[in-house]
N, C-alpha and C. Protein backbone atom coordinates (compact mmCIF):
# COMPACT_ATOMS: atom_id res chain seq x y z
N MET A 1 0.83 -1.17 0.01
CA MET A 1 0.01 -0.02 -0.03
C MET A 1 0.90 1.24 0.01
N LYS A 2 0.55 2.15 -0.86
CA LYS A 2 1.26 3.46 -0.86
C LYS A 2 0.50 4.42 0.08
N VAL A 3 1.29 5.17 0.90
CA VAL A 3 0.72 6.07 1.82
C VAL A 3 1.27 7.47 1.62
N SER A 4 0.41 8.45 1.87
CA SER A 4 0.85 9.87 1.88
C SER A 4 1.30 10.19 3.26
N VAL A 5 2.39 10.90 3.35
CA VAL A 5 2.98 11.30 4.65
C VAL A 5 2.71 12.81 4.79
N TRP A 6 2.07 13.19 5.89
CA TRP A 6 1.73 14.56 6.20
C TRP A 6 2.60 14.98 7.40
N ASP A 7 3.55 15.85 7.16
CA ASP A 7 4.50 16.31 8.20
C ASP A 7 3.77 17.34 9.05
N THR A 8 3.77 17.11 10.35
CA THR A 8 2.95 17.89 11.29
C THR A 8 3.71 18.39 12.47
N TYR A 9 3.54 19.70 12.79
CA TYR A 9 4.15 20.34 13.94
C TYR A 9 3.04 21.08 14.69
N VAL A 10 2.85 20.70 15.97
CA VAL A 10 1.81 21.31 16.82
C VAL A 10 2.40 21.68 18.13
N GLN A 11 2.13 22.91 18.59
CA GLN A 11 2.62 23.42 19.82
C GLN A 11 1.89 22.81 21.02
N ARG A 12 2.59 22.41 21.99
CA ARG A 12 2.02 21.93 23.24
C ARG A 12 1.83 23.10 24.19
N GLU A 13 1.01 22.94 25.21
CA GLU A 13 0.79 24.00 26.21
C GLU A 13 2.05 24.34 26.96
N ASP A 14 2.97 23.42 27.08
CA ASP A 14 4.23 23.64 27.81
C ASP A 14 5.29 24.32 26.93
N GLY A 15 4.94 24.66 25.72
CA GLY A 15 5.85 25.36 24.83
C GLY A 15 6.62 24.47 23.85
N ASN A 16 6.72 23.19 24.15
CA ASN A 16 7.38 22.28 23.24
C ASN A 16 6.61 22.13 21.92
N ILE A 17 7.29 21.85 20.86
CA ILE A 17 6.62 21.60 19.58
C ILE A 17 6.65 20.13 19.29
N MET A 18 5.45 19.55 19.16
CA MET A 18 5.33 18.12 18.78
C MET A 18 5.58 18.01 17.31
N HIS A 19 6.35 17.03 16.91
CA HIS A 19 6.58 16.70 15.51
C HIS A 19 6.18 15.27 15.27
N PHE A 20 5.24 15.07 14.38
CA PHE A 20 4.80 13.72 14.02
C PHE A 20 4.30 13.71 12.60
N ASP A 21 4.25 12.52 12.06
CA ASP A 21 3.70 12.36 10.72
C ASP A 21 2.38 11.63 10.76
N ILE A 22 1.47 12.06 9.93
CA ILE A 22 0.17 11.39 9.77
C ILE A 22 0.28 10.63 8.43
N LEU A 23 0.12 9.34 8.45
CA LEU A 23 0.15 8.54 7.22
C LEU A 23 -1.28 8.05 6.90
N VAL A 24 -1.65 8.24 5.67
CA VAL A 24 -2.99 7.86 5.19
C VAL A 24 -2.85 7.24 3.80
N PRO A 25 -3.84 6.46 3.35
CA PRO A 25 -3.74 5.91 2.02
C PRO A 25 -3.47 7.03 1.00
N SER A 26 -2.63 6.74 -0.02
CA SER A 26 -2.31 7.76 -0.98
C SER A 26 -3.49 8.25 -1.79
N SER A 27 -4.58 7.47 -1.79
CA SER A 27 -5.78 7.84 -2.53
C SER A 27 -6.56 8.92 -1.77
N LEU A 28 -6.27 9.10 -0.47
CA LEU A 28 -6.97 10.10 0.35
C LEU A 28 -6.32 11.44 0.25
N SER A 29 -7.08 12.42 -0.27
CA SER A 29 -6.48 13.76 -0.43
C SER A 29 -7.33 14.82 0.25
N LYS A 30 -8.40 14.44 0.91
CA LYS A 30 -9.26 15.44 1.55
C LYS A 30 -8.60 15.89 2.85
N GLU A 31 -8.12 17.15 2.85
CA GLU A 31 -7.39 17.67 3.99
C GLU A 31 -8.18 17.64 5.27
N GLU A 32 -9.47 17.93 5.22
CA GLU A 32 -10.26 17.96 6.45
C GLU A 32 -10.21 16.61 7.13
N THR A 33 -10.30 15.55 6.39
CA THR A 33 -10.24 14.19 6.95
C THR A 33 -8.87 13.95 7.57
N ILE A 34 -7.84 14.32 6.93
CA ILE A 34 -6.45 14.12 7.44
C ILE A 34 -6.26 14.92 8.71
N PHE A 35 -6.72 16.17 8.73
CA PHE A 35 -6.59 16.99 9.91
C PHE A 35 -7.40 16.37 11.07
N ASN A 36 -8.57 15.83 10.75
CA ASN A 36 -9.40 15.18 11.82
C ASN A 36 -8.67 14.01 12.40
N TYR A 37 -7.92 13.25 11.59
CA TYR A 37 -7.14 12.13 12.10
C TYR A 37 -6.07 12.68 13.08
N GLY A 38 -5.45 13.75 12.68
CA GLY A 38 -4.46 14.39 13.54
C GLY A 38 -5.05 14.84 14.85
N LYS A 39 -6.24 15.44 14.80
CA LYS A 39 -6.91 15.85 15.99
C LYS A 39 -7.29 14.73 16.89
N THR A 40 -7.73 13.60 16.29
CA THR A 40 -8.05 12.40 17.07
C THR A 40 -6.79 11.95 17.81
N TYR A 41 -5.68 11.92 17.14
CA TYR A 41 -4.40 11.53 17.78
C TYR A 41 -4.08 12.51 18.93
N LEU A 42 -4.20 13.82 18.71
CA LEU A 42 -3.85 14.80 19.74
C LEU A 42 -4.78 14.64 20.92
N GLU A 43 -6.06 14.31 20.72
CA GLU A 43 -6.98 14.08 21.84
C GLU A 43 -6.59 12.90 22.69
N SER A 44 -5.79 12.02 22.19
CA SER A 44 -5.34 10.84 22.98
C SER A 44 -4.20 11.18 23.95
N LYS A 45 -3.67 12.38 23.79
CA LYS A 45 -2.52 12.78 24.63
C LYS A 45 -3.00 13.35 26.01
N PRO A 46 -2.19 13.17 27.07
CA PRO A 46 -2.62 13.66 28.38
C PRO A 46 -2.39 15.14 28.60
N PHE A 47 -1.88 15.85 27.58
CA PHE A 47 -1.58 17.28 27.72
C PHE A 47 -2.33 18.00 26.61
N LYS A 48 -2.51 19.28 26.77
CA LYS A 48 -3.21 20.13 25.80
C LYS A 48 -2.24 20.61 24.70
N THR A 49 -2.81 20.80 23.54
CA THR A 49 -2.03 21.26 22.38
C THR A 49 -2.73 22.35 21.69
N GLY A 50 -2.01 23.03 20.80
CA GLY A 50 -2.61 24.06 19.97
C GLY A 50 -3.41 23.39 18.86
N LYS A 51 -3.88 24.24 17.97
CA LYS A 51 -4.74 23.79 16.86
C LYS A 51 -3.92 23.04 15.80
N LEU A 52 -4.63 22.31 14.98
CA LEU A 52 -4.04 21.59 13.86
C LEU A 52 -4.79 22.06 12.61
N THR A 53 -4.11 22.77 11.74
CA THR A 53 -4.68 23.25 10.51
C THR A 53 -3.63 23.10 9.38
N ALA A 54 -3.93 23.64 8.22
CA ALA A 54 -3.00 23.57 7.08
C ALA A 54 -1.68 24.22 7.41
N SER A 55 -1.65 25.15 8.36
CA SER A 55 -0.38 25.80 8.74
C SER A 55 0.50 24.83 9.50
N GLU A 56 -0.04 23.86 10.22
CA GLU A 56 0.73 22.94 11.03
C GLU A 56 0.97 21.60 10.36
N CYS A 57 0.22 21.28 9.30
CA CYS A 57 0.19 19.98 8.72
C CYS A 57 0.25 20.07 7.19
N LYS A 58 1.34 19.56 6.57
CA LYS A 58 1.54 19.73 5.15
C LYS A 58 1.91 18.38 4.54
N PHE A 59 1.39 18.10 3.33
CA PHE A 59 1.79 16.94 2.59
C PHE A 59 3.26 16.95 2.36
N CYS A 60 3.97 15.82 2.57
CA CYS A 60 5.42 15.73 2.39
C CYS A 60 5.80 14.86 1.23
N HIS A 61 5.39 13.55 1.26
CA HIS A 61 5.76 12.63 0.22
C HIS A 61 4.91 11.37 0.29
N ILE A 62 5.13 10.47 -0.67
CA ILE A 62 4.43 9.18 -0.67
C ILE A 62 5.51 8.11 -0.50
N GLU A 63 5.17 7.09 0.31
CA GLU A 63 6.06 5.99 0.53
C GLU A 63 5.32 4.67 0.63
N GLN A 64 6.03 3.60 0.68
CA GLN A 64 5.43 2.27 0.81
C GLN A 64 5.19 1.98 2.31
N ALA A 65 3.99 1.56 2.66
CA ALA A 65 3.65 1.27 4.05
C ALA A 65 4.21 -0.08 4.48
N THR A 66 4.57 -0.18 5.75
CA THR A 66 4.94 -1.46 6.33
C THR A 66 3.69 -2.26 6.70
N ASP A 67 3.83 -3.51 7.06
CA ASP A 67 2.67 -4.35 7.48
C ASP A 67 1.96 -3.72 8.64
N SER A 68 2.69 -3.24 9.64
CA SER A 68 2.06 -2.68 10.85
C SER A 68 1.29 -1.39 10.51
N MET A 69 1.84 -0.58 9.61
CA MET A 69 1.16 0.63 9.15
C MET A 69 -0.15 0.23 8.48
N ILE A 70 -0.12 -0.73 7.63
CA ILE A 70 -1.28 -1.13 6.85
C ILE A 70 -2.37 -1.62 7.80
N LYS A 71 -1.98 -2.43 8.80
CA LYS A 71 -2.97 -2.95 9.76
C LYS A 71 -3.65 -1.81 10.49
N ALA A 72 -2.91 -0.83 10.92
CA ALA A 72 -3.47 0.35 11.62
C ALA A 72 -4.36 1.14 10.74
N ILE A 73 -3.95 1.37 9.50
CA ILE A 73 -4.72 2.15 8.56
C ILE A 73 -6.04 1.43 8.22
N GLU A 74 -5.98 0.12 8.05
CA GLU A 74 -7.18 -0.65 7.78
C GLU A 74 -8.15 -0.60 8.98
N LYS A 75 -7.61 -0.48 10.19
CA LYS A 75 -8.45 -0.50 11.38
C LYS A 75 -9.02 0.87 11.69
N VAL A 76 -8.17 1.97 11.65
CA VAL A 76 -8.67 3.28 12.07
C VAL A 76 -8.57 4.37 10.99
N GLY A 77 -7.93 4.01 9.88
CA GLY A 77 -7.87 5.00 8.76
C GLY A 77 -6.58 5.72 8.62
N PHE A 78 -5.75 5.68 9.68
CA PHE A 78 -4.45 6.43 9.63
C PHE A 78 -3.41 5.77 10.51
N TYR A 79 -2.20 6.24 10.41
CA TYR A 79 -1.08 5.77 11.22
C TYR A 79 -0.27 6.98 11.62
N ILE A 80 0.23 7.01 12.85
CA ILE A 80 1.06 8.14 13.31
C ILE A 80 2.46 7.68 13.55
N ILE A 81 3.46 8.44 13.06
CA ILE A 81 4.86 8.23 13.42
C ILE A 81 5.26 9.41 14.33
N GLU A 82 5.49 9.11 15.60
CA GLU A 82 5.91 10.16 16.56
C GLU A 82 7.40 10.40 16.41
N MET A 83 7.78 11.70 16.34
CA MET A 83 9.19 12.03 16.20
C MET A 83 9.78 12.85 17.32
N GLU A 84 9.11 13.92 17.70
CA GLU A 84 9.68 14.76 18.77
C GLU A 84 8.52 15.29 19.67
N HIS A 85 8.82 15.26 21.00
CA HIS A 85 7.95 15.83 22.01
C HIS A 85 6.48 15.34 21.94
N CYS A 86 6.34 14.06 21.66
CA CYS A 86 4.95 13.50 21.52
C CYS A 86 4.49 12.85 22.80
N ASN A 87 5.38 12.67 23.75
CA ASN A 87 5.00 12.04 25.02
C ASN A 87 5.40 12.84 26.20
């Protein structure tokens, strides 16, 4: 499965900037849906964050998904790769 990678930076209430990628099927291009996936992920965190809009989340590239990514996408529609200040 080919996935689109959306590079995302969201400010936390403590001032740190979260950096994570939202991966979705490459056939999905509706930004509102992708942003909602990001918001769902942010709601799972125990701390408050700033907003997630086109300013914080941009399409980056397309890559081949791993098996674990595919399983998550088939289950919930998206996959998150946490990179900085996500916990």
